Structure formats: structure tokens, C-alpha cells
All heavy atoms as atom14 arrays in JSON, in Angstrom:
{
  "sequence": "MLLVTGVLAALVERSVSGRGQVIDAAMVDGASLLMQPVWGMFGAGF",
  "atom14_mask": [
    [1, 1, 1, 1, 1, 1, 1, 1, 0, 0, 0, 0, 0, 0],
    [1, 1, 1, 1, 1, 1, 1, 1, 0, 0, 0, 0, 0, 0],
    [1, 1, 1, 1, 1, 1, 1, 1, 0, 0, 0, 0, 0, 0],
    [1, 1, 1, 1, 1, 1, 1, 0, 0, 0, 0, 0, 0, 0],
    [1, 1, 1, 1, 1, 1, 1, 0, 0, 0, 0, 0, 0, 0],
    [1, 1, 1, 1, 0, 0, 0, 0, 0, 0, 0, 0, 0, 0],
    [1, 1, 1, 1, 1, 1, 1, 0, 0, 0, 0, 0, 0, 0],
    [1, 1, 1, 1, 1, 1, 1, 1, 0, 0, 0, 0, 0, 0],
    [1, 1, 1, 1, 1, 0, 0, 0, 0, 0, 0, 0, 0, 0],
    [1, 1, 1, 1, 1, 0, 0, 0, 0, 0, 0, 0, 0, 0],
    [1, 1, 1, 1, 1, 1, 1, 1, 0, 0, 0, 0, 0, 0],
    [1, 1, 1, 1, 1, 1, 1, 0, 0, 0, 0, 0, 0, 0],
    [1, 1, 1, 1, 1, 1, 1, 1, 1, 0, 0, 0, 0, 0],
    [1, 1, 1, 1, 1, 1, 1, 1, 1, 1, 1, 0, 0, 0],
    [1, 1, 1, 1, 1, 1, 0, 0, 0, 0, 0, 0, 0, 0],
    [1, 1, 1, 1, 1, 1, 1, 0, 0, 0, 0, 0, 0, 0],
    [1, 1, 1, 1, 1, 1, 0, 0, 0, 0, 0, 0, 0, 0],
    [1, 1, 1, 1, 0, 0, 0, 0, 0, 0, 0, 0, 0, 0],
    [1, 1, 1, 1, 1, 1, 1, 1, 1, 1, 1, 0, 0, 0],
    [1, 1, 1, 1, 0, 0, 0, 0, 0, 0, 0, 0, 0, 0],
    [1, 1, 1, 1, 1, 1, 1, 1, 1, 0, 0, 0, 0, 0],
    [1, 1, 1, 1, 1, 1, 1, 0, 0, 0, 0, 0, 0, 0],
    [1, 1, 1, 1, 1, 1, 1, 1, 0, 0, 0, 0, 0, 0],
    [1, 1, 1, 1, 1, 1, 1, 1, 0, 0, 0, 0, 0, 0],
    [1, 1, 1, 1, 1, 0, 0, 0, 0, 0, 0, 0, 0, 0],
    [1, 1, 1, 1, 1, 0, 0, 0, 0, 0, 0, 0, 0, 0],
    [1, 1, 1, 1, 1, 1, 1, 1, 0, 0, 0, 0, 0, 0],
    [1, 1, 1, 1, 1, 1, 1, 0, 0, 0, 0, 0, 0, 0],
    [1, 1, 1, 1, 1, 1, 1, 1, 0, 0, 0, 0, 0, 0],
    [1, 1, 1, 1, 0, 0, 0, 0, 0, 0, 0, 0, 0, 0],
    [1, 1, 1, 1, 1, 0, 0, 0, 0, 0, 0, 0, 0, 0],
    [1, 1, 1, 1, 1, 1, 0, 0, 0, 0, 0, 0, 0, 0],
    [1, 1, 1, 1, 1, 1, 1, 1, 0, 0, 0, 0, 0, 0],
    [1, 1, 1, 1, 1, 1, 1, 1, 0, 0, 0, 0, 0, 0],
    [1, 1, 1, 1, 1, 1, 1, 1, 0, 0, 0, 0, 0, 0],
    [1, 1, 1, 1, 1, 1, 1, 1, 1, 0, 0, 0, 0, 0],
    [1, 1, 1, 1, 1, 1, 1, 0, 0, 0, 0, 0, 0, 0],
    [1, 1, 1, 1, 1, 1, 1, 0, 0, 0, 0, 0, 0, 0],
    [1, 1, 1, 1, 1, 1, 1, 1, 1, 1, 1, 1, 1, 1],
    [1, 1, 1, 1, 0, 0, 0, 0, 0, 0, 0, 0, 0, 0],
    [1, 1, 1, 1, 1, 1, 1, 1, 0, 0, 0, 0, 0, 0],
    [1, 1, 1, 1, 1, 1, 1, 1, 1, 1, 1, 0, 0, 0],
    [1, 1, 1, 1, 0, 0, 0, 0, 0, 0, 0, 0, 0, 0],
    [1, 1, 1, 1, 1, 0, 0, 0, 0, 0, 0, 0, 0, 0],
    [1, 1, 1, 1, 0, 0, 0, 0, 0, 0, 0, 0, 0, 0],
    [1, 1, 1, 1, 1, 1, 1, 1, 1, 1, 1, 0, 0, 0]
  ],
  "atom14_positions": [
    [[-11.81, 21.04, -11.37], [-10.42, 21.27, -11.78], [-9.81, 20.02, -12.41], [-8.96, 20.1, -13.3], [-9.58, 21.75, -10.6], [-10.09, 23.05, -9.98], [-10.41, 24.37, -11.18], [-8.76, 24.82, -11.66], [0.0, 0.0, 0.0], [0.0, 0.0, 0.0], [0.0, 0.0, 0.0], [0.0, 0.0, 0.0], [0.0, 0.0, 0.0], [0.0, 0.0, 0.0]],
    [[-10.24, 18.83, -11.95], [-9.8, 17.59, -12.6], [-10.37, 17.5, -14.01], [-9.68, 17.09, -14.94], [-10.23, 16.39, -11.77], [-9.68, 15.03, -12.22], [-8.21, 14.91, -11.86], [-10.47, 13.89, -11.58], [0.0, 0.0, 0.0], [0.0, 0.0, 0.0], [0.0, 0.0, 0.0], [0.0, 0.0, 0.0], [0.0, 0.0, 0.0], [0.0, 0.0, 0.0]],
    [[-11.63, 17.91, -14.17], [-12.26, 17.89, -15.49], [-11.56, 18.86, -16.43], [-11.28, 18.52, -17.59], [-13.74, 18.24, -15.36], [-14.56, 18.3, -16.65], [-14.53, 16.97, -17.38], [-16.0, 18.71, -16.35], [0.0, 0.0, 0.0], [0.0, 0.0, 0.0], [0.0, 0.0, 0.0], [0.0, 0.0, 0.0], [0.0, 0.0, 0.0], [0.0, 0.0, 0.0]],
    [[-11.26, 20.07, -15.95], [-10.55, 21.04, -16.78], [-9.18, 20.51, -17.18], [-8.76, 20.63, -18.34], [-10.42, 22.39, -16.03], [-9.43, 23.31, -16.75], [-11.77, 23.06, -15.9], [0.0, 0.0, 0.0], [0.0, 0.0, 0.0], [0.0, 0.0, 0.0], [0.0, 0.0, 0.0], [0.0, 0.0, 0.0], [0.0, 0.0, 0.0], [0.0, 0.0, 0.0]],
    [[-8.47, 19.9, -16.23], [-7.16, 19.33, -16.54], [-7.28, 18.27, -17.64], [-6.47, 18.22, -18.57], [-6.54, 18.7, -15.28], [-6.4, 19.71, -14.28], [-5.19, 18.09, -15.58], [0.0, 0.0, 0.0], [0.0, 0.0, 0.0], [0.0, 0.0, 0.0], [0.0, 0.0, 0.0], [0.0, 0.0, 0.0], [0.0, 0.0, 0.0], [0.0, 0.0, 0.0]],
    [[-8.3, 17.42, -17.53], [-8.49, 16.38, -18.53], [-8.81, 16.95, -19.9], [-8.3, 16.48, -20.92], [0.0, 0.0, 0.0], [0.0, 0.0, 0.0], [0.0, 0.0, 0.0], [0.0, 0.0, 0.0], [0.0, 0.0, 0.0], [0.0, 0.0, 0.0], [0.0, 0.0, 0.0], [0.0, 0.0, 0.0], [0.0, 0.0, 0.0], [0.0, 0.0, 0.0]],
    [[-9.66, 17.98, -19.93], [-10.01, 18.61, -21.2], [-8.78, 19.22, -21.87], [-8.53, 19.02, -23.06], [-11.09, 19.69, -20.99], [-11.22, 20.6, -22.21], [-12.44, 19.04, -20.69], [0.0, 0.0, 0.0], [0.0, 0.0, 0.0], [0.0, 0.0, 0.0], [0.0, 0.0, 0.0], [0.0, 0.0, 0.0], [0.0, 0.0, 0.0], [0.0, 0.0, 0.0]],
    [[-7.99, 19.95, -21.09], [-6.81, 20.6, -21.66], [-5.8, 19.56, -22.15], [-5.19, 19.72, -23.22], [-6.18, 21.53, -20.63], [-7.05, 22.69, -20.15], [-6.3, 23.55, -19.15], [-7.53, 23.53, -21.32], [0.0, 0.0, 0.0], [0.0, 0.0, 0.0], [0.0, 0.0, 0.0], [0.0, 0.0, 0.0], [0.0, 0.0, 0.0], [0.0, 0.0, 0.0]],
    [[-5.61, 18.49, -21.37], [-4.68, 17.44, -21.79], [-5.16, 16.77, -23.08], [-4.35, 16.48, -23.98], [-4.52, 16.4, -20.67], [0.0, 0.0, 0.0], [0.0, 0.0, 0.0], [0.0, 0.0, 0.0], [0.0, 0.0, 0.0], [0.0, 0.0, 0.0], [0.0, 0.0, 0.0], [0.0, 0.0, 0.0], [0.0, 0.0, 0.0], [0.0, 0.0, 0.0]],
    [[-6.47, 16.52, -23.18], [-7.01, 15.88, -24.38], [-6.88, 16.79, -25.6], [-6.64, 16.31, -26.72], [-8.46, 15.48, -24.15], [0.0, 0.0, 0.0], [0.0, 0.0, 0.0], [0.0, 0.0, 0.0], [0.0, 0.0, 0.0], [0.0, 0.0, 0.0], [0.0, 0.0, 0.0], [0.0, 0.0, 0.0], [0.0, 0.0, 0.0], [0.0, 0.0, 0.0]],
    [[-7.04, 18.1, -25.41], [-6.87, 19.02, -26.53], [-5.41, 19.04, -27.01], [-5.15, 19.11, -28.21], [-7.3, 20.44, -26.12], [-8.81, 20.66, -25.96], [-9.08, 22.05, -25.41], [-9.54, 20.48, -27.3], [0.0, 0.0, 0.0], [0.0, 0.0, 0.0], [0.0, 0.0, 0.0], [0.0, 0.0, 0.0], [0.0, 0.0, 0.0], [0.0, 0.0, 0.0]],
    [[-4.47, 18.99, -26.07], [-3.06, 18.93, -26.46], [-2.78, 17.65, -27.24], [-2.14, 17.66, -28.3], [-2.15, 19.03, -25.22], [-0.7, 18.74, -25.6], [-2.25, 20.42, -24.58], [0.0, 0.0, 0.0], [0.0, 0.0, 0.0], [0.0, 0.0, 0.0], [0.0, 0.0, 0.0], [0.0, 0.0, 0.0], [0.0, 0.0, 0.0], [0.0, 0.0, 0.0]],
    [[-3.28, 16.51, -26.73], [-3.04, 15.23, -27.4], [-3.7, 15.21, -28.77], [-3.14, 14.66, -29.74], [-3.56, 14.08, -26.54], [-3.1, 12.7, -26.97], [-3.89, 12.13, -28.13], [-5.07, 12.54, -28.33], [-3.35, 11.26, -28.84], [0.0, 0.0, 0.0], [0.0, 0.0, 0.0], [0.0, 0.0, 0.0], [0.0, 0.0, 0.0], [0.0, 0.0, 0.0]],
    [[-4.87, 15.83, -28.89], [-5.58, 15.86, -30.16], [-4.79, 16.62, -31.23], [-4.87, 16.3, -32.42], [-6.96, 16.5, -29.98], [-7.85, 16.37, -31.21], [-9.17, 17.06, -31.05], [-9.05, 18.51, -31.11], [-10.08, 19.35, -31.13], [-11.32, 18.87, -31.03], [-9.89, 20.65, -31.2], [0.0, 0.0, 0.0], [0.0, 0.0, 0.0], [0.0, 0.0, 0.0]],
    [[-4.03, 17.62, -30.8], [-3.23, 18.39, -31.76], [-2.16, 17.51, -32.4], [-1.64, 17.86, -33.47], [-2.59, 19.59, -31.07], [-1.58, 19.19, -30.15], [0.0, 0.0, 0.0], [0.0, 0.0, 0.0], [0.0, 0.0, 0.0], [0.0, 0.0, 0.0], [0.0, 0.0, 0.0], [0.0, 0.0, 0.0], [0.0, 0.0, 0.0], [0.0, 0.0, 0.0]],
    [[-1.84, 16.38, -31.78], [-0.85, 15.44, -32.33], [-1.54, 14.31, -33.09], [-1.18, 13.99, -34.22], [0.03, 14.86, -31.21], [1.0, 13.83, -31.76], [0.77, 15.98, -30.48], [0.0, 0.0, 0.0], [0.0, 0.0, 0.0], [0.0, 0.0, 0.0], [0.0, 0.0, 0.0], [0.0, 0.0, 0.0], [0.0, 0.0, 0.0], [0.0, 0.0, 0.0]],
    [[-2.57, 13.71, -32.46], [-3.21, 12.53, -33.05], [-4.34, 12.87, -34.0], [-4.7, 12.06, -34.86], [-3.76, 11.63, -31.93], [-4.87, 12.27, -31.29], [0.0, 0.0, 0.0], [0.0, 0.0, 0.0], [0.0, 0.0, 0.0], [0.0, 0.0, 0.0], [0.0, 0.0, 0.0], [0.0, 0.0, 0.0], [0.0, 0.0, 0.0], [0.0, 0.0, 0.0]],
    [[-4.94, 14.06, -33.84], [-6.1, 14.41, -34.65], [-7.39, 13.77, -34.17], [-8.43, 13.91, -34.82], [0.0, 0.0, 0.0], [0.0, 0.0, 0.0], [0.0, 0.0, 0.0], [0.0, 0.0, 0.0], [0.0, 0.0, 0.0], [0.0, 0.0, 0.0], [0.0, 0.0, 0.0], [0.0, 0.0, 0.0], [0.0, 0.0, 0.0], [0.0, 0.0, 0.0]],
    [[-7.35, 13.09, -33.02], [-8.52, 12.37, -32.53], [-8.91, 12.87, -31.14], [-8.06, 13.19, -30.31], [-8.23, 10.87, -32.47], [-7.88, 10.26, -33.82], [-7.4, 8.84, -33.65], [-8.38, 8.0, -32.98], [-8.11, 6.81, -32.47], [-6.88, 6.32, -32.52], [-9.06, 6.11, -31.89], [0.0, 0.0, 0.0], [0.0, 0.0, 0.0], [0.0, 0.0, 0.0]],
    [[-10.21, 12.9, -30.89], [-10.7, 13.22, -29.56], [-10.72, 11.99, -28.68], [-10.32, 10.9, -29.09], [0.0, 0.0, 0.0], [0.0, 0.0, 0.0], [0.0, 0.0, 0.0], [0.0, 0.0, 0.0], [0.0, 0.0, 0.0], [0.0, 0.0, 0.0], [0.0, 0.0, 0.0], [0.0, 0.0, 0.0], [0.0, 0.0, 0.0], [0.0, 0.0, 0.0]],
    [[-11.21, 12.17, -27.46], [-11.35, 11.04, -26.55], [-12.32, 11.41, -25.42], [-12.72, 12.57, -25.27], [-10.01, 10.6, -25.99], [-9.23, 11.65, -25.24], [-7.85, 11.15, -24.84], [-7.74, 10.13, -24.16], [-6.8, 11.84, -25.28], [0.0, 0.0, 0.0], [0.0, 0.0, 0.0], [0.0, 0.0, 0.0], [0.0, 0.0, 0.0], [0.0, 0.0, 0.0]],
    [[-12.67, 10.41, -24.63], [-13.61, 10.58, -23.53], [-12.84, 10.72, -22.23], [-11.9, 9.97, -21.96], [-14.58, 9.38, -23.44], [-15.58, 9.59, -22.31], [-15.3, 9.16, -24.77], [0.0, 0.0, 0.0], [0.0, 0.0, 0.0], [0.0, 0.0, 0.0], [0.0, 0.0, 0.0], [0.0, 0.0, 0.0], [0.0, 0.0, 0.0], [0.0, 0.0, 0.0]],
    [[-13.25, 11.68, -21.41], [-12.62, 11.92, -20.12], [-13.6, 11.51, -19.02], [-14.7, 12.05, -18.93], [-12.26, 13.41, -19.95], [-11.31, 13.85, -21.06], [-11.65, 13.67, -18.58], [-11.34, 15.32, -21.3], [0.0, 0.0, 0.0], [0.0, 0.0, 0.0], [0.0, 0.0, 0.0], [0.0, 0.0, 0.0], [0.0, 0.0, 0.0], [0.0, 0.0, 0.0]],
    [[-13.21, 10.55, -18.22], [-14.0, 10.08, -17.08], [-13.44, 10.76, -15.84], [-12.5, 10.27, -15.22], [-13.9, 8.56, -16.99], [-14.6, 7.98, -15.75], [-15.23, 8.75, -15.0], [-14.48, 6.75, -15.54], [0.0, 0.0, 0.0], [0.0, 0.0, 0.0], [0.0, 0.0, 0.0], [0.0, 0.0, 0.0], [0.0, 0.0, 0.0], [0.0, 0.0, 0.0]],
    [[-14.0, 11.91, -15.49], [-13.55, 12.66, -14.31], [-14.51, 12.37, -13.16], [-15.7, 12.66, -13.25], [-13.52, 14.16, -14.61], [0.0, 0.0, 0.0], [0.0, 0.0, 0.0], [0.0, 0.0, 0.0], [0.0, 0.0, 0.0], [0.0, 0.0, 0.0], [0.0, 0.0, 0.0], [0.0, 0.0, 0.0], [0.0, 0.0, 0.0], [0.0, 0.0, 0.0]],
    [[-13.99, 11.79, -12.1], [-14.81, 11.42, -10.95], [-14.3, 12.16, -9.71], [-13.1, 12.26, -9.49], [-14.76, 9.92, -10.71], [0.0, 0.0, 0.0], [0.0, 0.0, 0.0], [0.0, 0.0, 0.0], [0.0, 0.0, 0.0], [0.0, 0.0, 0.0], [0.0, 0.0, 0.0], [0.0, 0.0, 0.0], [0.0, 0.0, 0.0], [0.0, 0.0, 0.0]],
    [[-15.22, 12.64, -8.9], [-14.82, 13.38, -7.7], [-14.09, 12.5, -6.7], [-13.2, 12.99, -5.98], [-16.04, 14.04, -7.06], [-16.52, 15.26, -7.83], [-18.0, 15.99, -7.1], [-19.19, 15.69, -8.41], [0.0, 0.0, 0.0], [0.0, 0.0, 0.0], [0.0, 0.0, 0.0], [0.0, 0.0, 0.0], [0.0, 0.0, 0.0], [0.0, 0.0, 0.0]],
    [[-14.41, 11.21, -6.65], [-13.65, 10.33, -5.76], [-12.19, 10.22, -6.21], [-11.27, 10.15, -5.39], [-14.29, 8.93, -5.65], [-15.61, 8.99, -4.91], [-14.46, 8.28, -7.02], [0.0, 0.0, 0.0], [0.0, 0.0, 0.0], [0.0, 0.0, 0.0], [0.0, 0.0, 0.0], [0.0, 0.0, 0.0], [0.0, 0.0, 0.0], [0.0, 0.0, 0.0]],
    [[-11.98, 10.25, -7.53], [-10.61, 10.2, -8.05], [-9.89, 11.52, -7.76], [-8.74, 11.53, -7.33], [-10.62, 9.97, -9.56], [-11.23, 8.63, -9.96], [-11.41, 7.76, -9.08], [-11.53, 8.47, -11.16], [0.0, 0.0, 0.0], [0.0, 0.0, 0.0], [0.0, 0.0, 0.0], [0.0, 0.0, 0.0], [0.0, 0.0, 0.0], [0.0, 0.0, 0.0]],
    [[-10.57, 12.63, -8.04], [-9.95, 13.93, -7.87], [-9.63, 14.24, -6.42], [-8.55, 14.76, -6.1], [0.0, 0.0, 0.0], [0.0, 0.0, 0.0], [0.0, 0.0, 0.0], [0.0, 0.0, 0.0], [0.0, 0.0, 0.0], [0.0, 0.0, 0.0], [0.0, 0.0, 0.0], [0.0, 0.0, 0.0], [0.0, 0.0, 0.0], [0.0, 0.0, 0.0]],
    [[-10.58, 13.94, -5.51], [-10.32, 14.17, -4.09], [-9.17, 13.31, -3.61], [-8.34, 13.74, -2.79], [-11.58, 13.89, -3.28], [0.0, 0.0, 0.0], [0.0, 0.0, 0.0], [0.0, 0.0, 0.0], [0.0, 0.0, 0.0], [0.0, 0.0, 0.0], [0.0, 0.0, 0.0], [0.0, 0.0, 0.0], [0.0, 0.0, 0.0], [0.0, 0.0, 0.0]],
    [[-9.08, 12.08, -4.11], [-7.97, 11.2, -3.74], [-6.66, 11.75, -4.26], [-5.62, 11.68, -3.57], [-8.21, 9.79, -4.28], [-9.34, 9.2, -3.69], [0.0, 0.0, 0.0], [0.0, 0.0, 0.0], [0.0, 0.0, 0.0], [0.0, 0.0, 0.0], [0.0, 0.0, 0.0], [0.0, 0.0, 0.0], [0.0, 0.0, 0.0], [0.0, 0.0, 0.0]],
    [[-6.68, 12.31, -5.46], [-5.47, 12.9, -6.02], [-5.02, 14.1, -5.18], [-3.82, 14.28, -4.94], [-5.73, 13.33, -7.46], [-4.52, 13.73, -8.29], [-3.56, 12.57, -8.45], [-4.97, 14.23, -9.67], [0.0, 0.0, 0.0], [0.0, 0.0, 0.0], [0.0, 0.0, 0.0], [0.0, 0.0, 0.0], [0.0, 0.0, 0.0], [0.0, 0.0, 0.0]],
    [[-5.99, 14.92, -4.73], [-5.64, 16.03, -3.84], [-5.05, 15.54, -2.52], [-4.24, 16.22, -1.9], [-6.89, 16.87, -3.55], [-7.5, 17.65, -4.71], [-8.77, 18.35, -4.25], [-6.52, 18.66, -5.28], [0.0, 0.0, 0.0], [0.0, 0.0, 0.0], [0.0, 0.0, 0.0], [0.0, 0.0, 0.0], [0.0, 0.0, 0.0], [0.0, 0.0, 0.0]],
    [[-5.44, 14.36, -2.11], [-4.96, 13.79, -0.85], [-3.62, 13.09, -0.98], [-3.08, 12.59, 0.01], [-5.99, 12.79, -0.31], [-7.21, 13.42, 0.34], [-6.83, 14.14, 1.95], [-6.61, 12.63, 2.92], [0.0, 0.0, 0.0], [0.0, 0.0, 0.0], [0.0, 0.0, 0.0], [0.0, 0.0, 0.0], [0.0, 0.0, 0.0], [0.0, 0.0, 0.0]],
    [[-3.03, 13.05, -2.19], [-1.8, 12.3, -2.36], [-0.66, 12.76, -1.43], [0.08, 11.91, -0.92], [-1.34, 12.36, -3.82], [-0.04, 11.63, -4.11], [-0.06, 10.16, -3.67], [-1.12, 9.54, -3.59], [1.12, 9.61, -3.39], [0.0, 0.0, 0.0], [0.0, 0.0, 0.0], [0.0, 0.0, 0.0], [0.0, 0.0, 0.0], [0.0, 0.0, 0.0]],
    [[-0.48, 14.06, -1.16], [0.56, 14.43, -0.18], [0.32, 13.79, 1.2], [1.27, 13.37, 1.87], [0.46, 15.95, -0.11], [-0.12, 16.34, -1.43], [-1.08, 15.26, -1.78], [0.0, 0.0, 0.0], [0.0, 0.0, 0.0], [0.0, 0.0, 0.0], [0.0, 0.0, 0.0], [0.0, 0.0, 0.0], [0.0, 0.0, 0.0], [0.0, 0.0, 0.0]],
    [[-0.95, 13.71, 1.61], [-1.27, 13.08, 2.89], [-1.02, 11.58, 2.81], [-0.46, 10.97, 3.73], [-2.72, 13.37, 3.3], [-3.09, 12.62, 4.57], [-2.92, 14.88, 3.5], [0.0, 0.0, 0.0], [0.0, 0.0, 0.0], [0.0, 0.0, 0.0], [0.0, 0.0, 0.0], [0.0, 0.0, 0.0], [0.0, 0.0, 0.0], [0.0, 0.0, 0.0]],
    [[-1.43, 10.95, 1.69], [-1.16, 9.52, 1.52], [0.35, 9.26, 1.56], [0.81, 8.25, 2.11], [-1.73, 9.03, 0.19], [-3.19, 8.73, 0.22], [-4.18, 9.4, -0.42], [-3.84, 7.67, 0.94], [-5.41, 8.85, -0.15], [-5.23, 7.78, 0.68], [-3.4, 6.65, 1.77], [-6.16, 6.91, 1.23], [-4.34, 5.78, 2.32], [-5.69, 5.91, 2.05]],
    [[1.13, 10.18, 0.97], [2.57, 10.01, 0.99], [3.13, 10.04, 2.39], [3.96, 9.2, 2.78], [0.0, 0.0, 0.0], [0.0, 0.0, 0.0], [0.0, 0.0, 0.0], [0.0, 0.0, 0.0], [0.0, 0.0, 0.0], [0.0, 0.0, 0.0], [0.0, 0.0, 0.0], [0.0, 0.0, 0.0], [0.0, 0.0, 0.0], [0.0, 0.0, 0.0]],
    [[2.68, 11.03, 3.19], [3.16, 11.12, 4.57], [2.65, 9.95, 5.4], [3.37, 9.44, 6.28], [2.72, 12.45, 5.18], [3.45, 13.65, 4.6], [3.02, 15.23, 5.39], [1.38, 15.51, 4.7], [0.0, 0.0, 0.0], [0.0, 0.0, 0.0], [0.0, 0.0, 0.0], [0.0, 0.0, 0.0], [0.0, 0.0, 0.0], [0.0, 0.0, 0.0]],
    [[1.42, 9.51, 5.12], [0.86, 8.36, 5.85], [1.68, 7.11, 5.56], [2.03, 6.33, 6.47], [-0.6, 8.17, 5.45], [-1.3, 7.04, 6.14], [-1.5, 7.06, 7.51], [-1.77, 5.96, 5.42], [-2.16, 6.01, 8.15], [-2.42, 4.91, 6.04], [-2.61, 4.93, 7.42], [0.0, 0.0, 0.0], [0.0, 0.0, 0.0], [0.0, 0.0, 0.0]],
    [[2.02, 6.91, 4.29], [2.8, 5.73, 3.91], [4.21, 5.75, 4.48], [4.79, 4.7, 4.75], [0.0, 0.0, 0.0], [0.0, 0.0, 0.0], [0.0, 0.0, 0.0], [0.0, 0.0, 0.0], [0.0, 0.0, 0.0], [0.0, 0.0, 0.0], [0.0, 0.0, 0.0], [0.0, 0.0, 0.0], [0.0, 0.0, 0.0], [0.0, 0.0, 0.0]],
    [[4.74, 6.97, 4.68], [6.1, 7.09, 5.23], [6.12, 7.09, 6.75], [7.19, 7.18, 7.36], [6.75, 8.37, 4.7], [0.0, 0.0, 0.0], [0.0, 0.0, 0.0], [0.0, 0.0, 0.0], [0.0, 0.0, 0.0], [0.0, 0.0, 0.0], [0.0, 0.0, 0.0], [0.0, 0.0, 0.0], [0.0, 0.0, 0.0], [0.0, 0.0, 0.0]],
    [[4.93, 7.01, 7.37], [4.86, 6.98, 8.82], [4.87, 8.34, 9.48], [5.01, 8.45, 10.7], [0.0, 0.0, 0.0], [0.0, 0.0, 0.0], [0.0, 0.0, 0.0], [0.0, 0.0, 0.0], [0.0, 0.0, 0.0], [0.0, 0.0, 0.0], [0.0, 0.0, 0.0], [0.0, 0.0, 0.0], [0.0, 0.0, 0.0], [0.0, 0.0, 0.0]],
    [[4.67, 9.41, 8.69], [4.7, 10.76, 9.24], [3.3, 11.31, 9.53], [3.18, 12.44, 10.01], [5.4, 11.72, 8.26], [6.84, 11.38, 8.03], [7.38, 11.46, 6.76], [7.67, 10.97, 9.07], [8.71, 11.14, 6.53], [8.99, 10.65, 8.85], [9.51, 10.73, 7.57], [0.0, 0.0, 0.0], [0.0, 0.0, 0.0], [0.0, 0.0, 0.0]]
  ]
}
């Protein structure tokens, strides 16, 4: 799902710039992003 998000975002940006780009989608990044609500509660002491 992180890879799909990156692909769709790059296609939108390409419609403006006319240029492609490389998407580095890593599962450690994506799993951490999914954990952001927990990181938020952890940081707030909850």
C-alpha cells in the first residue's frame, strides 16, 4: 500500500513536471508509518 501510494503520487506529480522519478518503498518505513498513531500516544505519555 505504501508502494501504491508512491506510484499514484508520482503519477500526479508527473502530470505537472512531465518527469518520472524513483520510489524507494521500504516495509520498515511503511510499518513505522502505520505505527504513527501509537508513536503519537507513546510520545504523549498515553
